[in-house]
C-alpha atoms as a PDB file:
ATOM      1  CA  MET A   1       8.678 -11.277  32.404  1.00  0.00           C
ATOM      2  CA  ALA A   2       5.604 -10.917  34.468  1.00  0.00           C
ATOM      3  CA  VAL A   3       3.459 -13.947  35.227  1.00  0.00           C
ATOM      4  CA  GLY A   4      -0.158 -13.844  36.373  1.00  0.00           C
ATOM      5  CA  THR A   5      -1.465 -15.536  39.284  1.00  0.00           C
ATOM      6  CA  ALA A   6      -4.847 -15.222  40.964  1.00  0.00           C
ATOM      7  CA  ALA A   7      -3.189 -13.223  43.781  1.00  0.00           C
ATOM      8  CA  SER A   8      -1.474 -10.939  41.309  1.00  0.00           C
ATOM      9  CA  PRO A   9      -3.383 -11.025  38.029  1.00  0.00           C
ATOM     10  CA  CYS A  10      -1.489 -10.084  34.762  1.00  0.00           C
ATOM     11  CA  ILE A  11      -2.450  -9.990  31.050  1.00  0.00           C
ATOM     12  CA  HIS A  12       0.207 -10.038  28.379  1.00  0.00           C
ATOM     13  CA  LEU A  13      -0.827  -7.904  25.390  1.00  0.00           C
ATOM     14  CA  VAL A  14       1.073  -9.087  22.534  1.00  0.00           C
ATOM     15  CA  GLY A  15       1.690  -7.940  18.943  1.00  0.00           C
ATOM     16  CA  ALA A  16       1.622 -10.910  16.477  1.00  0.00           C
ATOM     17  CA  GLY A  17       3.345  -8.834  14.002  1.00  0.00           C
ATOM     18  CA  PRO A  18       2.172  -8.806  10.067  1.00  0.00           C
ATOM     19  CA  GLY A  19       1.532 -12.360   9.482  1.00  0.00           C
ATOM     20  CA  ASP A  20       4.840 -14.155   8.832  1.00  0.00           C
ATOM     21  CA  PRO A  21       5.382 -16.337  12.015  1.00  0.00           C
ATOM     22  CA  ASP A  22       9.257 -15.735  11.517  1.00  0.00           C
ATOM     23  CA  LEU A  23       8.576 -11.993  12.147  1.00  0.00           C
ATOM     24  CA  LEU A  24       7.221 -12.652  15.694  1.00  0.00           C
ATOM     25  CA  THR A  25       9.492 -11.215  18.394  1.00  0.00           C
ATOM     26  CA  VAL A  26      11.436 -13.734  20.538  1.00  0.00           C
ATOM     27  CA  LYS A  27       9.473 -12.438  23.567  1.00  0.00           C
ATOM     28  CA  ALA A  28       6.260 -12.720  21.844  1.00  0.00           C
ATOM     29  CA  TRP A  29       6.959 -16.296  20.944  1.00  0.00           C
ATOM     30  CA  LYS A  30       7.957 -17.362  24.477  1.00  0.00           C
ATOM     31  CA  LEU A  31       4.738 -15.917  25.862  1.00  0.00           C
ATOM     32  CA  ILE A  32       2.595 -17.629  23.117  1.00  0.00           C
ATOM     33  CA  ARG A  33       4.388 -20.815  23.904  1.00  0.00           C
ATOM     34  CA  ASP A  34       3.761 -20.924  27.570  1.00  0.00           C
ATOM     35  CA  ALA A  35       0.295 -19.322  27.485  1.00  0.00           C
ATOM     36  CA  GLU A  36      -2.643 -21.442  28.979  1.00  0.00           C
ATOM     37  CA  VAL A  37      -5.248 -19.059  27.242  1.00  0.00           C
ATOM     38  CA  ILE A  38      -4.849 -17.012  24.089  1.00  0.00           C
ATOM     39  CA  VAL A  39      -7.482 -14.339  23.167  1.00  0.00           C
ATOM     40  CA  HIS A  40      -6.914 -13.423  19.566  1.00  0.00           C
ATOM     41  CA  ASP A  41      -8.389 -11.104  16.907  1.00  0.00           C
ATOM     42  CA  CYS A  42      -8.969 -11.857  13.253  1.00  0.00           C
ATOM     43  CA  LEU A  43      -5.805 -10.197  12.033  1.00  0.00           C
ATOM     44  CA  VAL A  44      -3.600 -12.807  13.624  1.00  0.00           C
ATOM     45  CA  SER A  45      -2.550 -14.993  10.695  1.00  0.00           C
ATOM     46  CA  ARG A  46      -3.465 -18.573  10.448  1.00  0.00           C
ATOM     47  CA  ALA A  47       0.262 -19.439  10.171  1.00  0.00           C
ATOM     48  CA  VAL A  48       0.874 -17.760  13.634  1.00  0.00           C
ATOM     49  CA  LEU A  49      -2.346 -19.576  15.008  1.00  0.00           C
ATOM     50  CA  ASP A  50      -1.091 -22.880  13.595  1.00  0.00           C
ATOM     51  CA  GLY A  51       2.128 -22.594  15.534  1.00  0.00           C
ATOM     52  CA  ILE A  52       0.238 -22.263  19.074  1.00  0.00           C
ATOM     53  CA  PRO A  53       0.798 -25.387  21.083  1.00  0.00           C
ATOM     54  CA  ASN A  54      -2.036 -27.541  21.681  1.00  0.00           C
ATOM     55  CA  HIS A  55      -2.322 -27.104  25.466  1.00  0.00           C
ATOM     56  CA  ALA A  56      -3.506 -23.458  24.991  1.00  0.00           C
ATOM     57  CA  THR A  57      -7.212 -22.467  24.876  1.00  0.00           C
ATOM     58  CA  LEU A  58      -7.740 -20.365  21.789  1.00  0.00           C
ATOM     59  CA  ILE A  59     -10.631 -17.858  22.037  1.00  0.00           C
ATOM     60  CA  ASP A  60     -11.537 -15.813  18.867  1.00  0.00           C
ATOM     61  CA  VAL A  61     -12.906 -12.569  19.530  1.00  0.00           C
ATOM     62  CA  GLY A  62     -12.115 -11.180  16.053  1.00  0.00           C
ATOM     63  CA  LYS A  63     -14.316  -8.433  14.436  1.00  0.00           C
ATOM     64  CA  MET A  64     -15.249  -8.163  10.719  1.00  0.00           C
ATOM     65  CA  PRO A  65     -17.165  -5.473   8.927  1.00  0.00           C
ATOM     66  CA  GLY A  66     -20.798  -5.780   9.878  1.00  0.00           C
ATOM     67  CA  HIS A  67     -20.032  -8.756  12.101  1.00  0.00           C
ATOM     68  CA  HIS A  68     -18.884  -8.098  15.896  1.00  0.00           C
ATOM     69  CA  PRO A  69     -19.803 -11.025  17.936  1.00  0.00           C
ATOM     70  CA  PHE A  70     -17.610  -9.782  20.876  1.00  0.00           C
ATOM     71  CA  PRO A  71     -18.071  -6.005  21.400  1.00  0.00           C
ATOM     72  CA  GLN A  72     -15.077  -4.359  22.879  1.00  0.00           C
ATOM     73  CA  ASP A  73     -16.623  -3.859  26.337  1.00  0.00           C
ATOM     74  CA  LYS A  74     -17.307  -7.687  26.412  1.00  0.00           C
ATOM     75  CA  ILE A  75     -13.706  -8.355  25.460  1.00  0.00           C
ATOM     76  CA  ASN A  76     -12.542  -6.120  28.262  1.00  0.00           C
ATOM     77  CA  GLU A  77     -14.593  -7.863  30.680  1.00  0.00           C
ATOM     78  CA  MET A  78     -13.407 -11.204  29.471  1.00  0.00           C
ATOM     79  CA  LEU A  79      -9.745 -10.217  29.996  1.00  0.00           C
ATOM     80  CA  VAL A  80     -10.388  -9.222  33.538  1.00  0.00           C
ATOM     81  CA  ASP A  81     -12.021 -12.540  34.339  1.00  0.00           C
ATOM     82  CA  LEU A  82      -9.476 -14.460  32.793  1.00  0.00           C
ATOM     83  CA  ALA A  83      -6.687 -12.668  34.432  1.00  0.00           C
ATOM     84  CA  ARG A  84      -8.399 -13.196  37.913  1.00  0.00           C
ATOM     85  CA  SER A  85      -8.549 -16.875  37.162  1.00  0.00           C
ATOM     86  CA  GLY A  86      -4.755 -16.995  37.700  1.00  0.00           C
ATOM     87  CA  ARG A  87      -4.095 -18.665  34.233  1.00  0.00           C
ATOM     88  CA  ARG A  88      -1.410 -17.495  32.051  1.00  0.00           C
ATOM     89  CA  VAL A  89      -3.368 -15.273  29.437  1.00  0.00           C
ATOM     90  CA  VAL A  90      -2.029 -13.718  26.210  1.00  0.00           C
ATOM     91  CA  ARG A  91      -4.019 -11.023  24.429  1.00  0.00           C
ATOM     92  CA  LEU A  92      -2.774 -11.524  20.930  1.00  0.00           C
ATOM     93  CA  LYS A  93      -3.372  -8.911  18.450  1.00  0.00           C
ATOM     94  CA  GLY A  94      -2.178  -8.509  14.724  1.00  0.00           C
ATOM     95  CA  GLY A  95       0.657  -6.127  13.965  1.00  0.00           C
ATOM     96  CA  ASP A  96       1.410  -3.985  17.006  1.00  0.00           C
ATOM     97  CA  PRO A  97      -1.335  -3.694  19.757  1.00  0.00           C
ATOM     98  CA  PHE A  98      -0.863   0.022  20.201  1.00  0.00           C
ATOM     99  CA  ILE A  99      -1.401   0.943  16.369  1.00  0.00           C
ATOM    100  CA  PHE A 100      -4.830   0.878  15.305  1.00  0.00           C
ATOM    101  CA  GLY A 101      -5.333  -2.244  17.478  1.00  0.00           C
ATOM    102  CA  ARG A 102      -7.343  -0.746  20.502  1.00  0.00           C
ATOM    103  CA  GLY A 103      -4.583  -2.058  22.699  1.00  0.00           C
ATOM    104  CA  GLY A 104      -4.495   1.290  24.769  1.00  0.00           C
ATOM    105  CA  GLU A 105      -8.174   0.914  25.457  1.00  0.00           C
ATOM    106  CA  GLU A 106      -7.516  -2.679  26.926  1.00  0.00           C
ATOM    107  CA  ALA A 107      -4.612  -1.739  28.924  1.00  0.00           C
ATOM    108  CA  ASP A 108      -6.434   1.356  30.444  1.00  0.00           C
ATOM    109  CA  TYR A 109      -9.594  -0.935  31.376  1.00  0.00           C
ATOM    110  CA  LEU A 110      -7.170  -3.421  32.882  1.00  0.00           C
ATOM    111  CA  ALA A 111      -5.401  -0.950  34.799  1.00  0.00           C
ATOM    112  CA  ARG A 112      -8.602   0.579  36.144  1.00  0.00           C
ATOM    113  CA  HIS A 113      -9.492  -2.962  37.495  1.00  0.00           C
ATOM    114  CA  GLY A 114      -6.226  -3.565  39.167  1.00  0.00           C
ATOM    115  CA  ILE A 115      -4.945  -5.992  36.503  1.00  0.00           C
ATOM    116  CA  ALA A 116      -1.231  -5.632  35.591  1.00  0.00           C
ATOM    117  CA  CYS A 117      -0.561  -5.507  31.966  1.00  0.00           C
ATOM    118  CA  GLU A 118       2.712  -6.411  30.033  1.00  0.00           C
ATOM    119  CA  ILE A 119       2.830  -4.656  26.668  1.00  0.00           C
ATOM    120  CA  VAL A 120       4.972  -6.622  23.795  1.00  0.00           C
ATOM    121  CA  PRO A 121       5.255  -4.534  20.740  1.00  0.00           C
ATOM    122  CA  GLY A 122       4.871  -6.227  17.255  1.00  0.00           C
ATOM    123  CA  ILE A 123       5.995  -5.217  13.831  1.00  0.00           C
ATOM    124  CA  THR A 124       3.365  -3.125  12.384  1.00  0.00           C
ATOM    125  CA  ALA A 125       1.735  -3.494   8.974  1.00  0.00           C
ATOM    126  CA  ALA A 126       3.231  -0.282   7.550  1.00  0.00           C
ATOM    127  CA  SER A 127       6.784  -1.218   8.161  1.00  0.00           C
ATOM    128  CA  ALA A 128       6.238  -4.953   7.262  1.00  0.00           C
ATOM    129  CA  CYS A 129       4.358  -4.461   3.989  1.00  0.00           C
ATOM    130  CA  ALA A 130       6.500  -1.742   2.791  1.00  0.00           C
ATOM    131  CA  SER A 131       9.530  -3.521   3.456  1.00  0.00           C
ATOM    132  CA  ALA A 132       7.998  -6.713   1.715  1.00  0.00           C
ATOM    133  CA  LEU A 133       7.589  -4.578  -1.443  1.00  0.00           C
ATOM    134  CA  GLY A 134      11.055  -2.795  -1.084  1.00  0.00           C
ATOM    135  CA  ILE A 135       9.726   0.553  -0.339  1.00  0.00           C
ATOM    136  CA  PRO A 136      11.400   2.670   2.376  1.00  0.00           C
ATOM    137  CA  LEU A 137       8.698   4.706   4.370  1.00  0.00           C
ATOM    138  CA  THR A 138      11.316   7.558   4.643  1.00  0.00           C
ATOM    139  CA  HIS A 139      14.178   8.366   2.222  1.00  0.00           C
ATOM    140  CA  ARG A 140      16.537  11.391   1.975  1.00  0.00           C
ATOM    141  CA  GLY A 141      15.167  13.816  -0.613  1.00  0.00           C
ATOM    142  CA  LEU A 142      11.935  12.057  -0.956  1.00  0.00           C
ATOM    143  CA  ALA A 143      10.183  11.679   2.403  1.00  0.00           C
ATOM    144  CA  THR A 144      11.138  13.539   5.604  1.00  0.00           C
ATOM    145  CA  GLY A 145       8.409  11.806   7.555  1.00  0.00           C
ATOM    146  CA  VAL A 146       5.721   9.055   7.658  1.00  0.00           C
ATOM    147  CA  ARG A 147       2.098   9.155   8.948  1.00  0.00           C
ATOM    148  CA  PHE A 148       0.056   6.295   9.972  1.00  0.00           C
ATOM    149  CA  ILE A 149      -3.597   6.938   9.342  1.00  0.00           C
ATOM    150  CA  THR A 150      -6.780   4.831   9.543  1.00  0.00           C
ATOM    151  CA  GLY A 151      -9.008   4.420   6.386  1.00  0.00           C
ATOM    152  CA  HIS A 152     -11.888   3.008   8.325  1.00  0.00           C
ATOM    153  CA  CYS A 153     -14.586   5.435   9.208  1.00  0.00           C
ATOM    154  CA  GLN A 154     -16.601   4.817  12.479  1.00  0.00           C
ATOM    155  CA  ASN A 155     -19.408   7.326  12.006  1.00  0.00           C
ATOM    156  CA  GLY A 156     -19.784   7.602   8.217  1.00  0.00           C
ATOM    157  CA  GLU A 157     -17.128  10.273   7.659  1.00  0.00           C
ATOM    158  CA  LEU A 158     -13.318  10.184   7.654  1.00  0.00           C
ATOM    159  CA  GLU A 159     -12.226  12.867   9.983  1.00  0.00           C
ATOM    160  CA  HIS A 160      -8.649  13.602   8.897  1.00  0.00           C
ATOM    161  CA  ASP A 161      -6.625  16.904   8.486  1.00  0.00           C
ATOM    162  CA  TRP A 162      -6.555  16.529   4.771  1.00  0.00           C
ATOM    163  CA  LEU A 163      -4.425  19.831   4.145  1.00  0.00           C
ATOM    164  CA  GLY A 164      -1.909  18.449   6.668  1.00  0.00           C
ATOM    165  CA  LEU A 165      -1.865  15.126   4.942  1.00  0.00           C
ATOM    166  CA  ALA A 166      -1.373  16.340   1.603  1.00  0.00           C
ATOM    167  CA  ASP A 167       2.414  16.941   1.833  1.00  0.00           C
ATOM    168  CA  PRO A 168       4.353  15.659  -0.907  1.00  0.00           C
ATOM    169  CA  LYS A 169       7.385  15.096   1.456  1.00  0.00           C
ATOM    170  CA  THR A 170       5.366  12.864   3.723  1.00  0.00           C
ATOM    171  CA  THR A 171       4.755   9.119   3.158  1.00  0.00           C
ATOM    172  CA  LEU A 172       1.039   8.087   4.065  1.00  0.00           C
ATOM    173  CA  ALA A 173       0.329   4.527   5.441  1.00  0.00           C
ATOM    174  CA  VAL A 174      -3.326   3.959   5.216  1.00  0.00           C
ATOM    175  CA  TYR A 175      -4.655   1.096   7.421  1.00  0.00           C
ATOM    176  CA  MET A 176      -8.035  -0.446   6.823  1.00  0.00           C
ATOM    177  CA  GLY A 177      -8.761   1.676   3.717  1.00  0.00           C
ATOM    178  CA  LEU A 178      -9.697  -0.845   1.170  1.00  0.00           C
ATOM    179  CA  ALA A 179     -13.460   0.169   1.187  1.00  0.00           C
ATOM    180  CA  ASN A 180     -12.707   3.843   1.349  1.00  0.00           C
ATOM    181  CA  ILE A 181      -9.574   4.369  -0.705  1.00  0.00           C
ATOM    182  CA  ALA A 182     -11.384   6.254  -3.511  1.00  0.00           C
ATOM    183  CA  GLU A 183     -12.581   8.767  -1.002  1.00  0.00           C
ATOM    184  CA  ILE A 184      -9.249   9.129   0.422  1.00  0.00           C
ATOM    185  CA  ALA A 185      -7.704   9.695  -2.789  1.00  0.00           C
ATOM    186  CA  ASP A 186     -10.290  12.277  -3.737  1.00  0.00           C
ATOM    187  CA  ARG A 187      -9.803  14.154  -0.397  1.00  0.00           C
ATOM    188  CA  LEU A 188      -5.905  14.173  -0.804  1.00  0.00           C
ATOM    189  CA  THR A 189      -6.259  15.494  -4.341  1.00  0.00           C
ATOM    190  CA  GLU A 190      -8.831  18.184  -3.468  1.00  0.00           C
ATOM    191  CA  ALA A 191      -6.170  19.202  -0.758  1.00  0.00           C
ATOM    192  CA  GLY A 192      -3.454  19.581  -3.381  1.00  0.00           C
ATOM    193  CA  LEU A 193      -1.548  16.215  -3.452  1.00  0.00           C
ATOM    194  CA  PRO A 194      -0.897  15.805  -7.226  1.00  0.00           C
ATOM    195  CA  GLY A 195      -2.915  12.936  -8.795  1.00  0.00           C
ATOM    196  CA  SER A 196       0.203  11.491 -10.321  1.00  0.00           C
ATOM    197  CA  THR A 197       1.314  10.549  -6.732  1.00  0.00           C
ATOM    198  CA  PRO A 198       2.343   6.880  -6.639  1.00  0.00           C
ATOM    199  CA  VAL A 199       0.332   4.448  -4.398  1.00  0.00           C
ATOM    200  CA  ALA A 200       0.895   0.977  -3.663  1.00  0.00           C
ATOM    201  CA  VAL A 201      -1.608  -1.342  -1.999  1.00  0.00           C
ATOM    202  CA  ILE A 202      -0.068  -4.555  -0.360  1.00  0.00           C
ATOM    203  CA  CYS A 203      -2.511  -7.372   0.376  1.00  0.00           C
ATOM    204  CA  ASP A 204      -1.740 -10.121   2.942  1.00  0.00           C
ATOM    205  CA  GLY A 205       1.838  -8.592   3.348  1.00  0.00           C
ATOM    206  CA  THR A 206       4.675 -10.966   4.234  1.00  0.00           C
ATOM    207  CA  LEU A 207       2.556 -13.917   3.631  1.00  0.00           C
ATOM    208  CA  PRO A 208       3.177 -16.514   0.771  1.00  0.00           C
ATOM    209  CA  HIS A 209       0.125 -15.415  -1.029  1.00  0.00           C
ATOM    210  CA  GLN A 210       1.019 -11.666  -0.822  1.00  0.00           C
ATOM    211  CA  THR A 211      -0.300  -9.603  -3.668  1.00  0.00           C
ATOM    212  CA  HIS A 212       0.303  -5.838  -4.631  1.00  0.00           C
ATOM    213  CA  LEU A 213      -0.775  -3.123  -7.009  1.00  0.00           C
ATOM    214  CA  ILE A 214       1.073   0.061  -7.727  1.00  0.00           C
ATOM    215  CA  ALA A 215      -0.950   2.877  -9.390  1.00  0.00           C
ATOM    216  CA  SER A 216      -1.453   6.758  -8.983  1.00  0.00           C
ATOM    217  CA  LEU A 217      -3.494   8.563  -6.586  1.00  0.00           C
ATOM    218  CA  ALA A 218      -5.826   9.436  -9.508  1.00  0.00           C
ATOM    219  CA  THR A 219      -6.255   5.804 -10.433  1.00  0.00           C
ATOM    220  CA  ILE A 220      -6.249   3.904  -7.383  1.00  0.00           C
ATOM    221  CA  GLY A 221      -9.822   4.181  -6.300  1.00  0.00           C
ATOM    222  CA  ASP A 222     -10.950   2.296  -9.435  1.00  0.00           C
ATOM    223  CA  LEU A 223      -8.215  -0.187  -9.540  1.00  0.00           C
ATOM    224  CA  ALA A 224      -8.449  -1.109  -5.873  1.00  0.00           C
ATOM    225  CA  ALA A 225     -12.274  -1.857  -6.491  1.00  0.00           C
ATOM    226  CA  MET A 226     -11.254  -4.383  -9.120  1.00  0.00           C
ATOM    227  CA  LEU A 227      -9.156  -6.354  -6.566  1.00  0.00           C
ATOM    228  CA  ASN A 228     -12.269  -7.905  -4.979  1.00  0.00           C
ATOM    229  CA  ARG A 229     -10.494  -8.345  -1.899  1.00  0.00           C
ATOM    230  CA  THR A 230     -11.741  -8.356   1.781  1.00  0.00           C
ATOM    231  CA  GLY A 231      -8.695  -9.264   3.578  1.00  0.00           C
ATOM    232  CA  ARG A 232      -5.902  -7.197   5.017  1.00  0.00           C
ATOM    233  CA  ALA A 233      -4.605  -4.604   2.916  1.00  0.00           C
ATOM    234  CA  LEU A 234      -2.198  -1.632   3.443  1.00  0.00           C
ATOM    235  CA  PHE A 235      -1.915   1.426   1.166  1.00  0.00           C
ATOM    236  CA  VAL A 236       1.351   3.412   0.896  1.00  0.00           C
ATOM    237  CA  ILE A 237       1.103   6.933  -0.729  1.00  0.00           C
ATOM    238  CA  GLY A 238       4.058   8.954  -1.607  1.00  0.00           C
ATOM    239  CA  GLN A 239       7.128   9.338  -3.649  1.00  0.00           C
ATOM    240  CA  VAL A 240       8.992   6.436  -1.925  1.00  0.00           C
ATOM    241  CA  VAL A 241       6.753   4.111  -3.733  1.00  0.00           C
ATOM    242  CA  ASN A 242       8.684   4.827  -6.848  1.00  0.00           C
ATOM    243  CA  LEU A 243      11.739   3.088  -5.280  1.00  0.00           C
ATOM    244  CA  ALA A 244      10.005  -0.208  -5.131  1.00  0.00           C
ATOM    245  CA  PRO A 245      11.616  -2.616  -7.495  1.00  0.00           C
ATOM    246  CA  ALA A 246       8.126  -3.479  -8.921  1.00  0.00           C
ATOM    247  CA  ALA A 247       7.616   0.253  -9.733  1.00  0.00           C
ATOM    248  CA  LYS A 248      11.033   0.464 -11.422  1.00  0.00           C
ATOM    249  CA  LEU A 249      10.032  -2.461 -13.623  1.00  0.00           C
ATOM    250  CA  MET A 250       6.709  -0.847 -14.560  1.00  0.00           C
ATOM    251  CA  GLU A 251       8.417   2.357 -15.517  1.00  0.00           C
ATOM    252  CA  LYS A 252      11.015   0.429 -17.644  1.00  0.00           C
ATOM    253  CA  GLU A 253       8.284  -1.418 -19.399  1.00  0.00           C
ATOM    254  CA  ALA A 254       6.459   1.716 -20.146  1.00  0.00           C
ATOM    255  CA  ALA A 255       9.570   3.187 -21.664  1.00  0.00           C
ATOM    256  CA  LEU A 256      10.003   0.244 -24.008  1.00  0.00           C
ATOM    257  CA  ALA A 257       6.385   0.157 -25.154  1.00  0.00           C
END
């Protein structure tokens, strides 16, 4: 485990996992426990933050829709300055830092400025949220692969290979898609994925207040809009959703109605 000093600066780029502090890796917890400075984003759960020892200085650089008090270039510069101060610095990111966490950008910036960077992976939301609902992301006979995609559009348009994504034998895990799920569903159906394809949305997965909704690709847009949620949400699209105990219960209740 690398330790940063003024002579040999180092940043620990650590995944905080999906929210439940019990799902932190042992290595992540050791680094958090010993850190002097922790730079964290808004997807690190309050439960994880509350477990950080009082001796650490916390710096919140989280971004929310329409509110970016710390642009990415400023975060990059801050990490270089903190590393060169010789303190033990952890850059703490929700989930896994290399899956839609811009961890690659930060690691590259640090490398170009002569700063060592130790990467500590975390459990990503797709795996954690699907497991929390009892959904296997792959399953023999139903899904031969899984694809992680972002539902957030940077320039006003979602740029995906929709024909490639509309594969009934592939599970789709959509990150940051709450605002655009109706468009995503429309694009997938236009590309040939049946409107009957099951979809699960898991909000605040692995936390005590976790909620979920199971619907079809044809109805998920309208139903998700009724959730009135602004927090973390992950969509799982594919036949594997039917294996969730909640989906089986819905099917049984519909048969009895």
